[in-house]
Amino acid sequence: MCVYERPKKRGTTDLGPALAHAYIQLQVGDMLFQVLDGDAMTLSKDPELRKEYEADKTAMPAEAHARTF
């Protein structure tokens, strides 16, 4: 997983301004809660894995849910 704190400006080697903390946190949260198949890194269609994923989602405490600051 790669998260860029300062995006590269297109067509140059210059970096843009740092992204907001809330934006980075939401990006990471989104990536962590994808249901992916191993090394292929594709969304899984395996019903057993989907069941485990849904169980994990419902067991996640409220303070761990994504929110903006």
PDB file of N, CA and C in Angstrom:
ATOM      1  N   MET A   1       0.860  -1.169   0.000  1.00  0.00           N
ATOM      2  CA  MET A   1       0.000   0.000   0.000  1.00  0.00           C
ATOM      3  C   MET A   1       0.904   1.228   0.000  1.00  0.00           C
ATOM      4  N   CYS A   2       0.593   2.159  -0.868  1.00  0.00           N
ATOM      5  CA  CYS A   2       1.361   3.404  -0.955  1.00  0.00           C
ATOM      6  C   CYS A   2       0.435   4.588  -0.717  1.00  0.00           C
ATOM      7  N   VAL A   3       0.863   5.480   0.160  1.00  0.00           N
ATOM      8  CA  VAL A   3       0.126   6.705   0.411  1.00  0.00           C
ATOM      9  C   VAL A   3       1.120   7.851   0.234  1.00  0.00           C
ATOM     10  N   TYR A   4       0.776   8.762  -0.642  1.00  0.00           N
ATOM     11  CA  TYR A   4       1.660   9.886  -0.900  1.00  0.00           C
ATOM     12  C   TYR A   4       1.216  11.089  -0.089  1.00  0.00           C
ATOM     13  N   GLU A   5       2.134  11.595   0.756  1.00  0.00           N
ATOM     14  CA  GLU A   5       1.815  12.755   1.584  1.00  0.00           C
ATOM     15  C   GLU A   5       1.811  14.032   0.747  1.00  0.00           C
ATOM     16  N   ARG A   6       2.708  14.072  -0.239  1.00  0.00           N
ATOM     17  CA  ARG A   6       2.787  15.237  -1.121  1.00  0.00           C
ATOM     18  C   ARG A   6       2.722  14.732  -2.565  1.00  0.00           C
ATOM     19  N   PRO A   7       1.636  14.994  -3.260  1.00  0.00           N
ATOM     20  CA  PRO A   7       1.498  14.475  -4.627  1.00  0.00           C
ATOM     21  C   PRO A   7       2.463  15.157  -5.591  1.00  0.00           C
ATOM     22  N   LYS A   8       2.882  14.392  -6.581  1.00  0.00           N
ATOM     23  CA  LYS A   8       3.753  14.915  -7.628  1.00  0.00           C
ATOM     24  C   LYS A   8       2.921  15.731  -8.612  1.00  0.00           C
ATOM     25  N   LYS A   9       3.461  16.873  -9.027  1.00  0.00           N
ATOM     26  CA  LYS A   9       2.768  17.692 -10.023  1.00  0.00           C
ATOM     27  C   LYS A   9       2.989  17.068 -11.394  1.00  0.00           C
ATOM     28  N   ARG A  10       1.921  16.896 -12.159  1.00  0.00           N
ATOM     29  CA  ARG A  10       2.010  16.248 -13.473  1.00  0.00           C
ATOM     30  C   ARG A  10       2.995  16.973 -14.395  1.00  0.00           C
ATOM     31  N   GLY A  11       3.788  16.185 -15.073  1.00  0.00           N
ATOM     32  CA  GLY A  11       4.718  16.721 -16.060  1.00  0.00           C
ATOM     33  C   GLY A  11       5.987  17.301 -15.458  1.00  0.00           C
ATOM     34  N   THR A  12       6.155  17.218 -14.160  1.00  0.00           N
ATOM     35  CA  THR A  12       7.366  17.742 -13.506  1.00  0.00           C
ATOM     36  C   THR A  12       7.841  16.739 -12.465  1.00  0.00           C
ATOM     37  N   THR A  13       8.949  17.066 -11.839  1.00  0.00           N
ATOM     38  CA  THR A  13       9.421  16.259 -10.711  1.00  0.00           C
ATOM     39  C   THR A  13       9.154  16.997  -9.401  1.00  0.00           C
ATOM     40  N   ASP A  14       8.428  18.098  -9.468  1.00  0.00           N
ATOM     41  CA  ASP A  14       8.105  18.881  -8.273  1.00  0.00           C
ATOM     42  C   ASP A  14       6.979  18.229  -7.485  1.00  0.00           C
ATOM     43  N   LEU A  15       7.015  18.433  -6.177  1.00  0.00           N
ATOM     44  CA  LEU A  15       5.956  17.927  -5.316  1.00  0.00           C
ATOM     45  C   LEU A  15       4.995  19.041  -4.963  1.00  0.00           C
ATOM     46  N   GLY A  16       3.728  18.694  -4.852  1.00  0.00           N
ATOM     47  CA  GLY A  16       2.702  19.649  -4.457  1.00  0.00           C
ATOM     48  C   GLY A  16       2.697  19.822  -2.948  1.00  0.00           C
ATOM     49  N   PRO A  17       1.763  20.604  -2.444  1.00  0.00           N
ATOM     50  CA  PRO A  17       1.663  20.801  -0.999  1.00  0.00           C
ATOM     51  C   PRO A  17       1.215  19.519  -0.300  1.00  0.00           C
ATOM     52  N   ALA A  18       1.541  19.418   0.976  1.00  0.00           N
ATOM     53  CA  ALA A  18       1.153  18.247   1.762  1.00  0.00           C
ATOM     54  C   ALA A  18      -0.368  18.122   1.817  1.00  0.00           C
ATOM     55  N   LEU A  19      -0.855  16.885   1.715  1.00  0.00           N
ATOM     56  CA  LEU A  19      -2.285  16.629   1.809  1.00  0.00           C
ATOM     57  C   LEU A  19      -2.741  16.765   3.255  1.00  0.00           C
ATOM     58  N   ALA A  20      -3.999  17.075   3.440  1.00  0.00           N
ATOM     59  CA  ALA A  20      -4.554  17.213   4.786  1.00  0.00           C
ATOM     60  C   ALA A  20      -4.526  15.870   5.512  1.00  0.00           C
ATOM     61  N   HIS A  21      -4.319  15.911   6.809  1.00  0.00           N
ATOM     62  CA  HIS A  21      -4.277  14.704   7.636  1.00  0.00           C
ATOM     63  C   HIS A  21      -5.561  13.881   7.471  1.00  0.00           C
ATOM     64  N   ALA A  22      -6.699  14.546   7.470  1.00  0.00           N
ATOM     65  CA  ALA A  22      -7.982  13.845   7.351  1.00  0.00           C
ATOM     66  C   ALA A  22      -8.085  13.110   6.016  1.00  0.00           C
ATOM     67  N   TYR A  23      -7.590  13.710   4.934  1.00  0.00           N
ATOM     68  CA  TYR A  23      -7.624  13.081   3.615  1.00  0.00           C
ATOM     69  C   TYR A  23      -6.774  11.812   3.605  1.00  0.00           C
ATOM     70  N   ILE A  24      -5.584  11.896   4.166  1.00  0.00           N
ATOM     71  CA  ILE A  24      -4.694  10.731   4.205  1.00  0.00           C
ATOM     72  C   ILE A  24      -5.318   9.622   5.047  1.00  0.00           C
ATOM     73  N   GLN A  25      -5.892   9.989   6.186  1.00  0.00           N
ATOM     74  CA  GLN A  25      -6.509   8.991   7.056  1.00  0.00           C
ATOM     75  C   GLN A  25      -7.671   8.285   6.353  1.00  0.00           C
ATOM     76  N   LEU A  26      -8.484   9.016   5.634  1.00  0.00           N
ATOM     77  CA  LEU A  26      -9.600   8.396   4.914  1.00  0.00           C
ATOM     78  C   LEU A  26      -9.104   7.496   3.787  1.00  0.00           C
ATOM     79  N   GLN A  27      -8.034   7.916   3.095  1.00  0.00           N
ATOM     80  CA  GLN A  27      -7.462   7.085   2.032  1.00  0.00           C
ATOM     81  C   GLN A  27      -6.967   5.754   2.592  1.00  0.00           C
ATOM     82  N   VAL A  28      -6.242   5.822   3.710  1.00  0.00           N
ATOM     83  CA  VAL A  28      -5.703   4.604   4.323  1.00  0.00           C
ATOM     84  C   VAL A  28      -6.842   3.711   4.808  1.00  0.00           C
ATOM     85  N   GLY A  29      -7.828   4.300   5.462  1.00  0.00           N
ATOM     86  CA  GLY A  29      -8.972   3.511   5.924  1.00  0.00           C
ATOM     87  C   GLY A  29      -9.685   2.821   4.789  1.00  0.00           C
ATOM     88  N   ASP A  30      -9.823   3.520   3.680  1.00  0.00           N
ATOM     89  CA  ASP A  30     -10.484   2.937   2.514  1.00  0.00           C
ATOM     90  C   ASP A  30      -9.685   1.753   1.976  1.00  0.00           C
ATOM     91  N   MET A  31      -8.371   1.910   1.912  1.00  0.00           N
ATOM     92  CA  MET A  31      -7.536   0.828   1.395  1.00  0.00           C
ATOM     93  C   MET A  31      -7.520  -0.372   2.335  1.00  0.00           C
ATOM     94  N   LEU A  32      -7.539  -0.125   3.630  1.00  0.00           N
ATOM     95  CA  LEU A  32      -7.475  -1.226   4.594  1.00  0.00           C
ATOM     96  C   LEU A  32      -8.737  -2.058   4.614  1.00  0.00           C
ATOM     97  N   PHE A  33      -9.845  -1.475   4.251  1.00  0.00           N
ATOM     98  CA  PHE A  33     -11.104  -2.206   4.345  1.00  0.00           C
ATOM     99  C   PHE A  33     -11.615  -2.688   2.994  1.00  0.00           C
ATOM    100  N   GLN A  34     -10.715  -2.915   2.063  1.00  0.00           N
ATOM    101  CA  GLN A  34     -11.071  -3.546   0.803  1.00  0.00           C
ATOM    102  C   GLN A  34     -10.932  -5.058   0.986  1.00  0.00           C
ATOM    103  N   VAL A  35     -11.772  -5.825   0.362  1.00  0.00           N
ATOM    104  CA  VAL A  35     -11.667  -7.287   0.413  1.00  0.00           C
ATOM    105  C   VAL A  35     -10.851  -7.710  -0.803  1.00  0.00           C
ATOM    106  N   LEU A  36      -9.596  -8.028  -0.572  1.00  0.00           N
ATOM    107  CA  LEU A  36      -8.697  -8.332  -1.679  1.00  0.00           C
ATOM    108  C   LEU A  36      -8.245  -9.788  -1.639  1.00  0.00           C
ATOM    109  N   ASP A  37      -8.032 -10.349  -2.819  1.00  0.00           N
ATOM    110  CA  ASP A  37      -7.497 -11.703  -2.936  1.00  0.00           C
ATOM    111  C   ASP A  37      -5.975 -11.631  -2.997  1.00  0.00           C
ATOM    112  N   GLY A  38      -5.326 -12.051  -1.937  1.00  0.00           N
ATOM    113  CA  GLY A  38      -3.881 -12.231  -1.855  1.00  0.00           C
ATOM    114  C   GLY A  38      -3.029 -11.338  -2.719  1.00  0.00           C
ATOM    115  N   ASP A  39      -2.115 -11.968  -3.453  1.00  0.00           N
ATOM    116  CA  ASP A  39      -1.143 -11.230  -4.262  1.00  0.00           C
ATOM    117  C   ASP A  39      -1.764 -10.587  -5.487  1.00  0.00           C
ATOM    118  N   ALA A  40      -2.923 -11.063  -5.923  1.00  0.00           N
ATOM    119  CA  ALA A  40      -3.553 -10.504  -7.124  1.00  0.00           C
ATOM    120  C   ALA A  40      -4.066  -9.095  -6.873  1.00  0.00           C
ATOM    121  N   MET A  41      -4.369  -8.765  -5.594  1.00  0.00           N
ATOM    122  CA  MET A  41      -4.861  -7.444  -5.211  1.00  0.00           C
ATOM    123  C   MET A  41      -6.109  -7.043  -5.991  1.00  0.00           C
ATOM    124  N   THR A  42      -6.995  -7.995  -6.202  1.00  0.00           N
ATOM    125  CA  THR A  42      -8.273  -7.722  -6.862  1.00  0.00           C
ATOM    126  C   THR A  42      -9.393  -7.947  -5.860  1.00  0.00           C
ATOM    127  N   LEU A  43     -10.511  -7.258  -6.043  1.00  0.00           N
ATOM    128  CA  LEU A  43     -11.637  -7.436  -5.137  1.00  0.00           C
ATOM    129  C   LEU A  43     -12.095  -8.888  -5.175  1.00  0.00           C
ATOM    130  N   SER A  44     -12.279  -9.468  -4.007  1.00  0.00           N
ATOM    131  CA  SER A  44     -12.597 -10.887  -3.904  1.00  0.00           C
ATOM    132  C   SER A  44     -14.073 -11.172  -4.148  1.00  0.00           C
ATOM    133  N   LYS A  45     -14.338 -12.300  -4.789  1.00  0.00           N
ATOM    134  CA  LYS A  45     -15.701 -12.775  -4.973  1.00  0.00           C
ATOM    135  C   LYS A  45     -15.918 -14.073  -4.182  1.00  0.00           C
ATOM    136  N   ASP A  46     -14.925 -14.466  -3.394  1.00  0.00           N
ATOM    137  CA  ASP A  46     -15.010 -15.674  -2.581  1.00  0.00           C
ATOM    138  C   ASP A  46     -16.042 -15.465  -1.473  1.00  0.00           C
ATOM    139  N   PRO A  47     -17.138 -16.254  -1.454  1.00  0.00           N
ATOM    140  CA  PRO A  47     -18.204 -16.038  -0.471  1.00  0.00           C
ATOM    141  C   PRO A  47     -17.741 -16.198   0.973  1.00  0.00           C
ATOM    142  N   GLU A  48     -16.826 -17.123   1.240  1.00  0.00           N
ATOM    143  CA  GLU A  48     -16.343 -17.315   2.612  1.00  0.00           C
ATOM    144  C   GLU A  48     -15.542 -16.104   3.088  1.00  0.00           C
ATOM    145  N   LEU A  49     -14.702 -15.577   2.219  1.00  0.00           N
ATOM    146  CA  LEU A  49     -13.928 -14.384   2.569  1.00  0.00           C
ATOM    147  C   LEU A  49     -14.850 -13.188   2.765  1.00  0.00           C
ATOM    148  N   ARG A  50     -15.875 -13.074   1.926  1.00  0.00           N
ATOM    149  CA  ARG A  50     -16.836 -11.975   2.070  1.00  0.00           C
ATOM    150  C   ARG A  50     -17.554 -12.058   3.414  1.00  0.00           C
ATOM    151  N   LYS A  51     -17.914 -13.289   3.857  1.00  0.00           N
ATOM    152  CA  LYS A  51     -18.579 -13.459   5.154  1.00  0.00           C
ATOM    153  C   LYS A  51     -17.684 -12.979   6.294  1.00  0.00           C
ATOM    154  N   GLU A  52     -16.402 -13.374   6.241  1.00  0.00           N
ATOM    155  CA  GLU A  52     -15.458 -12.938   7.275  1.00  0.00           C
ATOM    156  C   GLU A  52     -15.296 -11.423   7.262  1.00  0.00           C
ATOM    157  N   TYR A  53     -15.215 -10.863   6.076  1.00  0.00           N
ATOM    158  CA  TYR A  53     -15.082  -9.413   5.930  1.00  0.00           C
ATOM    159  C   TYR A  53     -16.281  -8.682   6.540  1.00  0.00           C
ATOM    160  N   GLU A  54     -17.486  -9.140   6.241  1.00  0.00           N
ATOM    161  CA  GLU A  54     -18.691  -8.508   6.783  1.00  0.00           C
ATOM    162  C   GLU A  54     -18.736  -8.637   8.305  1.00  0.00           C
ATOM    163  N   ALA A  55     -18.309  -9.787   8.838  1.00  0.00           N
ATOM    164  CA  ALA A  55     -18.274  -9.975  10.293  1.00  0.00           C
ATOM    165  C   ALA A  55     -17.280  -9.007  10.929  1.00  0.00           C
ATOM    166  N   ASP A  56     -16.117  -8.828  10.303  1.00  0.00           N
ATOM    167  CA  ASP A  56     -15.124  -7.868  10.809  1.00  0.00           C
ATOM    168  C   ASP A  56     -15.681  -6.452  10.798  1.00  0.00           C
ATOM    169  N   LYS A  57     -16.386  -6.117   9.721  1.00  0.00           N
ATOM    170  CA  LYS A  57     -16.951  -4.761   9.626  1.00  0.00           C
ATOM    171  C   LYS A  57     -17.952  -4.488  10.735  1.00  0.00           C
ATOM    172  N   THR A  58     -18.815  -5.445  11.035  1.00  0.00           N
ATOM    173  CA  THR A  58     -19.835  -5.219  12.061  1.00  0.00           C
ATOM    174  C   THR A  58     -19.232  -5.214  13.456  1.00  0.00           C
ATOM    175  N   ALA A  59     -18.091  -5.882  13.640  1.00  0.00           N
ATOM    176  CA  ALA A  59     -17.445  -5.935  14.953  1.00  0.00           C
ATOM    177  C   ALA A  59     -16.536  -4.734  15.204  1.00  0.00           C
ATOM    178  N   MET A  60     -16.338  -3.897  14.201  1.00  0.00           N
ATOM    179  CA  MET A  60     -15.428  -2.760  14.340  1.00  0.00           C
ATOM    180  C   MET A  60     -16.029  -1.716  15.278  1.00  0.00           C
ATOM    181  N   PRO A  61     -15.279  -1.286  16.307  1.00  0.00           N
ATOM    182  CA  PRO A  61     -15.818  -0.298  17.240  1.00  0.00           C
ATOM    183  C   PRO A  61     -16.038   1.062  16.572  1.00  0.00           C
ATOM    184  N   ALA A  62     -16.974   1.826  17.096  1.00  0.00           N
ATOM    185  CA  ALA A  62     -17.342   3.122  16.503  1.00  0.00           C
ATOM    186  C   ALA A  62     -16.161   4.064  16.409  1.00  0.00           C
ATOM    187  N   GLU A  63     -15.255   4.026  17.392  1.00  0.00           N
ATOM    188  CA  GLU A  63     -14.120   4.962  17.358  1.00  0.00           C
ATOM    189  C   GLU A  63     -13.122   4.649  16.244  1.00  0.00           C
ATOM    190  N   ALA A  64     -13.243   3.472  15.630  1.00  0.00           N
ATOM    191  CA  ALA A  64     -12.352   3.111  14.532  1.00  0.00           C
ATOM    192  C   ALA A  64     -12.933   3.483  13.176  1.00  0.00           C
ATOM    193  N   HIS A  65     -14.176   3.934  13.129  1.00  0.00           N
ATOM    194  CA  HIS A  65     -14.798   4.318  11.858  1.00  0.00           C
ATOM    195  C   HIS A  65     -14.151   5.586  11.308  1.00  0.00           C
ATOM    196  N   ALA A  66     -14.106   5.699   9.991  1.00  0.00           N
ATOM    197  CA  ALA A  66     -13.499   6.879   9.358  1.00  0.00           C
ATOM    198  C   ALA A  66     -14.307   8.129   9.695  1.00  0.00           C
ATOM    199  N   ARG A  67     -13.582   9.188   9.975  1.00  0.00           N
ATOM    200  CA  ARG A  67     -14.222  10.465  10.243  1.00  0.00           C
ATOM    201  C   ARG A  67     -13.268  11.577   9.858  1.00  0.00           C
ATOM    202  N   THR A  68     -13.781  12.706   9.545  1.00  0.00           N
ATOM    203  CA  THR A  68     -12.921  13.856   9.233  1.00  0.00           C
ATOM    204  C   THR A  68     -12.758  14.705  10.474  1.00  0.00           C
ATOM    205  N   PHE A  69     -11.644  15.418  10.530  1.00  0.00           N
ATOM    206  CA  PHE A  69     -11.342  16.248  11.705  1.00  0.00           C
ATOM    207  C   PHE A  69     -11.729  17.678  11.474  1.00  0.00           C
TER     208      PHE A  69
END
